Amino acid sequence: MNPRERRAARHQPPGAEAEPARKPRRRKTAIVDQVVDTALDVIAREGYDALTMRRLADALDTGPASLYNHVVNKADLGELLIGRLCAELVLPEPSAEKWREQIRGVCEQMRDQYLKYPGISSAAFALAPTDLEALRVSEGLLAILLAGGITPQAAAWAADALFLYVAAYCLERSIAQRRATQADAAWVVDRDELRRRLAALPVELFPNTTRLAGELTAGEGHDRFDFTVGLLINGLR
């Protein structure tokens, strides 16, 4: 089965193919694992935007044509990368008493995995959940939410919202960090400067922004992440 057929198989409903040998399955070969390992190494050092099929082929000391024997394109590679990161997440046994803490814990694990590889969370947007490890995490979140008494529809949309927020949060941090290191990014300002700019706005036009300049720029570490995940979780009931 060639890479395109293997990718198509992952997007087929179970039992849709006539031949048992062609049932959807996760690629698990030494070569594909090496491709993913090398891609993650490139991303960790240079960021996801720097990862192209040619750049990856160079890192593997091969040609793009050889790489296409194992990966269809960058979108296909992105699915494999997100699947690899999802494989690192530890899912707890769902608890009706601790479901909020468990959801936070899974989201924090996902966040920390994404942040190891700048920009990689962009590969998670509009991604059909076909990789078995990504599906395992989705199943785990649903199980926790349902154990917490959340209705099925709310649980389904909440899991989607949590995935989207974690990916967006990590992507924004990666973009900000990249811009801060660019030589032509003099327009990037620190928090103190931003607070001063907001406070200096015309009060008659921006009464709330000037009054809340401190609050708008507050927060250390992952304070904003914790706040938003908590807001999503607590709003489910």
Protein backbone atom coordinates (compact mmCIF):
# COMPACT_ATOMS: atom_id res chain seq x y z
CA MET A 1 0.00 0.00 0.00
CA ASN A 2 1.53 3.33 -1.04
CA PRO A 3 1.43 6.47 1.16
CA ARG A 4 -1.62 7.92 -0.58
CA GLU A 5 -3.54 4.67 -0.17
CA ARG A 6 -2.52 4.43 3.48
CA ARG A 7 -3.71 7.97 4.11
CA ALA A 8 -6.99 7.30 2.29
CA ALA A 9 -7.44 4.18 4.42
CA ARG A 10 -7.25 6.26 7.59
CA HIS A 11 -10.16 8.36 6.30
CA GLN A 12 -12.39 5.38 5.48
CA PRO A 13 -15.09 4.20 7.89
CA PRO A 14 -14.23 0.86 9.50
CA GLY A 15 -15.28 -2.00 7.26
CA ALA A 16 -15.69 0.21 4.19
CA GLU A 17 -12.97 -1.58 2.22
CA ALA A 18 -13.51 -4.93 0.64
CA GLU A 19 -10.11 -6.45 1.36
CA PRO A 20 -9.37 -7.20 5.04
CA ALA A 21 -5.71 -6.33 4.48
CA ARG A 22 -6.72 -2.82 3.53
CA LYS A 23 -8.68 -1.95 6.65
CA PRO A 24 -7.74 1.41 8.20
CA ARG A 25 -4.60 1.11 10.23
CA ARG A 26 -2.01 3.39 11.69
CA ARG A 27 1.29 3.38 9.89
CA LYS A 28 3.86 1.89 12.19
CA THR A 29 7.07 1.32 10.30
CA ALA A 30 10.63 2.11 11.25
CA ILE A 31 11.02 4.42 8.26
CA VAL A 32 7.90 6.45 8.98
CA ASP A 33 8.90 6.70 12.63
CA GLN A 34 12.30 8.01 11.55
CA VAL A 35 10.60 10.58 9.32
CA VAL A 36 8.44 11.78 12.23
CA ASP A 37 11.41 11.84 14.64
CA THR A 38 13.45 13.91 12.21
CA ALA A 39 10.55 16.27 11.51
CA LEU A 40 10.08 16.89 15.23
CA ASP A 41 13.79 17.62 15.59
CA VAL A 42 13.63 20.19 12.77
CA ILE A 43 10.54 21.83 14.33
CA ALA A 44 12.11 21.97 17.80
CA ARG A 45 15.10 23.84 16.39
CA GLU A 46 13.58 25.89 13.58
CA GLY A 47 9.80 25.95 14.04
CA TYR A 48 6.95 24.34 12.13
CA ASP A 49 6.94 26.99 9.39
CA ALA A 50 10.51 26.01 8.49
CA LEU A 51 9.48 22.41 7.93
CA THR A 52 9.02 21.70 4.24
CA MET A 53 9.24 18.39 2.47
CA ARG A 54 12.55 19.49 0.93
CA ARG A 55 13.92 20.62 4.32
CA LEU A 56 12.88 17.31 5.84
CA ALA A 57 14.44 15.35 2.97
CA ASP A 58 17.71 17.23 3.50
CA ALA A 59 17.65 16.43 7.22
CA LEU A 60 17.14 12.77 6.34
CA ASP A 61 19.97 12.97 3.80
CA THR A 62 17.71 11.85 1.01
CA GLY A 63 15.73 13.39 -1.84
CA PRO A 64 12.12 14.60 -1.80
CA ALA A 65 11.17 11.82 -4.22
CA SER A 66 12.29 9.20 -1.70
CA LEU A 67 10.39 10.96 1.08
CA TYR A 68 7.17 10.85 -0.94
CA ASN A 69 7.43 7.07 -0.89
CA HIS A 70 6.47 7.26 2.79
CA VAL A 71 4.53 10.54 3.29
CA VAL A 72 1.99 12.03 0.89
CA ASN A 73 2.60 15.71 1.67
CA LYS A 74 3.01 18.13 4.58
CA ALA A 75 -0.65 17.76 5.57
CA ASP A 76 -0.16 14.00 5.81
CA LEU A 77 2.99 14.59 7.84
CA GLY A 78 1.06 16.96 10.10
CA GLU A 79 -1.43 14.21 10.94
CA LEU A 80 1.41 11.90 11.88
CA LEU A 81 3.08 14.58 14.01
CA ILE A 82 -0.08 15.39 15.95
CA GLY A 83 -0.66 11.67 16.42
CA ARG A 84 2.83 11.26 17.85
CA LEU A 85 2.27 14.08 20.35
CA CYS A 86 -1.11 12.65 21.33
CA ALA A 87 0.58 9.31 21.99
CA GLU A 88 2.52 11.02 24.82
CA LEU A 89 -0.62 12.09 26.68
CA VAL A 90 -1.63 10.07 29.73
CA LEU A 91 -5.40 9.77 30.14
CA PRO A 92 -6.83 9.26 33.62
CA GLU A 93 -9.62 6.88 34.58
CA PRO A 94 -12.74 9.11 34.35
CA SER A 95 -13.99 10.29 37.72
CA ALA A 96 -17.33 11.91 38.50
CA GLU A 97 -15.71 13.75 41.42
CA LYS A 98 -12.48 14.88 39.75
CA TRP A 99 -13.59 15.39 36.16
CA ARG A 100 -12.74 19.12 36.11
CA GLU A 101 -9.19 18.52 37.33
CA GLN A 102 -8.82 15.65 34.87
CA ILE A 103 -9.86 17.80 31.90
CA ARG A 104 -7.42 20.50 32.99
CA GLY A 105 -4.68 17.91 33.31
CA VAL A 106 -5.18 16.57 29.78
CA CYS A 107 -5.28 20.10 28.36
CA GLU A 108 -2.07 21.00 30.20
CA GLN A 109 -0.33 17.91 28.85
CA MET A 110 -1.44 18.78 25.32
CA ARG A 111 -0.27 22.38 25.78
CA ASP A 112 3.15 21.31 27.00
CA GLN A 113 3.59 18.92 24.08
CA TYR A 114 2.69 21.60 21.55
CA LEU A 115 4.99 24.17 23.12
CA LYS A 116 7.99 21.86 22.76
CA TYR A 117 7.67 22.25 19.00
CA PRO A 118 7.03 25.90 18.02
CA GLY A 119 4.08 26.31 15.69
CA ILE A 120 3.24 22.62 15.43
CA SER A 121 -0.27 23.17 16.79
CA SER A 122 -1.19 24.79 13.46
CA ALA A 123 -1.20 21.25 12.05
CA ALA A 124 -4.09 20.43 14.39
CA PHE A 125 -6.49 22.96 12.87
CA ALA A 126 -9.15 21.53 10.53
CA LEU A 127 -7.63 18.11 11.12
CA ALA A 128 -10.02 15.21 10.66
CA PRO A 129 -9.48 12.97 13.71
CA THR A 130 -8.41 9.78 11.94
CA ASP A 131 -5.09 9.02 13.64
CA LEU A 132 -5.71 6.41 16.31
CA GLU A 133 -3.76 8.29 18.97
CA ALA A 134 -5.64 11.53 18.30
CA LEU A 135 -8.88 9.56 18.48
CA ARG A 136 -7.71 8.00 21.75
CA VAL A 137 -7.34 11.46 23.30
CA SER A 138 -10.70 12.60 21.93
CA GLU A 139 -12.32 9.46 23.35
CA GLY A 140 -10.62 10.10 26.68
CA LEU A 141 -11.92 13.67 26.91
CA LEU A 142 -15.43 12.55 26.04
CA ALA A 143 -15.30 9.84 28.69
CA ILE A 144 -14.22 12.33 31.35
CA LEU A 145 -16.90 14.87 30.40
CA LEU A 146 -19.64 12.24 30.37
CA ALA A 147 -18.47 10.93 33.75
CA GLY A 148 -18.88 14.49 35.03
CA GLY A 149 -22.55 14.46 34.07
CA ILE A 150 -22.18 16.63 30.97
CA THR A 151 -24.82 15.97 28.30
CA PRO A 152 -23.60 14.18 25.15
CA GLN A 153 -24.00 17.20 22.84
CA ALA A 154 -22.30 19.56 25.29
CA ALA A 155 -19.50 17.03 25.82
CA ALA A 156 -18.93 16.72 22.06
CA TRP A 157 -18.74 20.47 21.50
CA ALA A 158 -16.73 21.04 24.67
CA ALA A 159 -14.07 18.55 23.57
CA ASP A 160 -13.86 20.32 20.21
CA ALA A 161 -13.63 23.75 21.87
CA LEU A 162 -10.89 22.58 24.22
CA PHE A 163 -8.83 21.13 21.36
CA LEU A 164 -9.22 24.38 19.42
CA TYR A 165 -8.32 26.62 22.35
CA VAL A 166 -5.21 24.67 23.33
CA ALA A 167 -3.98 24.69 19.73
CA ALA A 168 -4.71 28.42 19.30
CA TYR A 169 -3.07 29.34 22.61
CA CYS A 170 0.10 27.46 21.73
CA LEU A 171 0.21 28.86 18.21
CA GLU A 172 -0.10 32.43 19.46
CA ARG A 173 2.74 31.91 21.95
CA SER A 174 4.91 30.40 19.24
CA ILE A 175 4.25 33.33 16.90
CA ALA A 176 5.00 35.86 19.64
CA GLN A 177 8.26 34.13 20.56
CA ARG A 178 9.34 33.95 16.92
CA ARG A 179 8.60 37.63 16.33
CA ALA A 180 10.50 38.62 19.47
CA THR A 181 13.67 37.04 18.06
CA GLN A 182 13.45 38.56 14.59
CA ALA A 183 15.81 41.41 13.82
CA ASP A 184 13.12 43.47 12.07
CA ALA A 185 10.53 43.06 14.82
CA ALA A 186 11.23 46.31 16.64
CA TRP A 187 7.50 46.99 16.80
CA VAL A 188 7.04 44.11 19.29
CA VAL A 189 6.58 45.67 22.72
CA ASP A 190 6.83 44.21 26.18
CA ARG A 191 3.98 44.14 28.66
CA ASP A 192 5.03 47.27 30.55
CA GLU A 193 5.19 49.26 27.33
CA LEU A 194 1.81 47.91 26.24
CA ARG A 195 0.27 48.86 29.58
CA ARG A 196 1.66 52.40 29.28
CA ARG A 197 0.29 52.73 25.75
CA LEU A 198 -3.16 51.58 26.79
CA ALA A 199 -3.20 53.86 29.82
CA ALA A 200 -2.17 56.82 27.65
CA LEU A 201 -5.12 56.49 25.26
CA PRO A 202 -7.72 59.31 25.27
CA VAL A 203 -9.95 58.61 28.25
CA GLU A 204 -13.03 60.04 26.57
CA LEU A 205 -12.70 57.51 23.74
CA PHE A 206 -11.39 54.52 25.68
CA PRO A 207 -12.67 54.85 29.27
CA ASN A 208 -12.62 51.13 30.05
CA THR A 209 -9.35 50.34 28.25
CA THR A 210 -7.46 53.09 30.09
CA ARG A 211 -8.99 52.17 33.46
CA LEU A 212 -8.28 48.46 33.02
CA ALA A 213 -4.85 48.77 31.40
CA GLY A 214 -3.32 46.81 34.28
CA GLU A 215 -5.89 44.04 34.14
CA LEU A 216 -5.69 43.77 30.34
CA THR A 217 -1.95 43.15 30.52
CA ALA A 218 -1.90 41.06 33.71
CA GLY A 219 -0.94 37.42 34.09
CA GLU A 220 2.21 35.36 34.52
CA GLY A 221 3.17 32.07 32.91
CA HIS A 222 0.03 30.20 31.90
CA ASP A 223 -2.41 32.25 34.01
CA ARG A 224 -4.53 33.15 31.00
CA PHE A 225 -4.57 29.55 29.82
CA ASP A 226 -5.73 28.33 33.24
CA PHE A 227 -8.42 31.02 33.34
CA THR A 228 -9.85 30.20 29.92
CA VAL A 229 -9.80 26.42 30.34
CA GLY A 230 -11.50 26.88 33.71
CA LEU A 231 -14.08 29.17 32.09
CA LEU A 232 -14.87 26.53 29.46
CA ILE A 233 -15.12 23.73 31.99
CA ASN A 234 -17.16 25.60 34.58
CA GLY A 235 -19.57 26.88 31.94
CA LEU A 236 -20.64 23.37 31.01
CA ARG A 237 -23.07 23.17 33.91
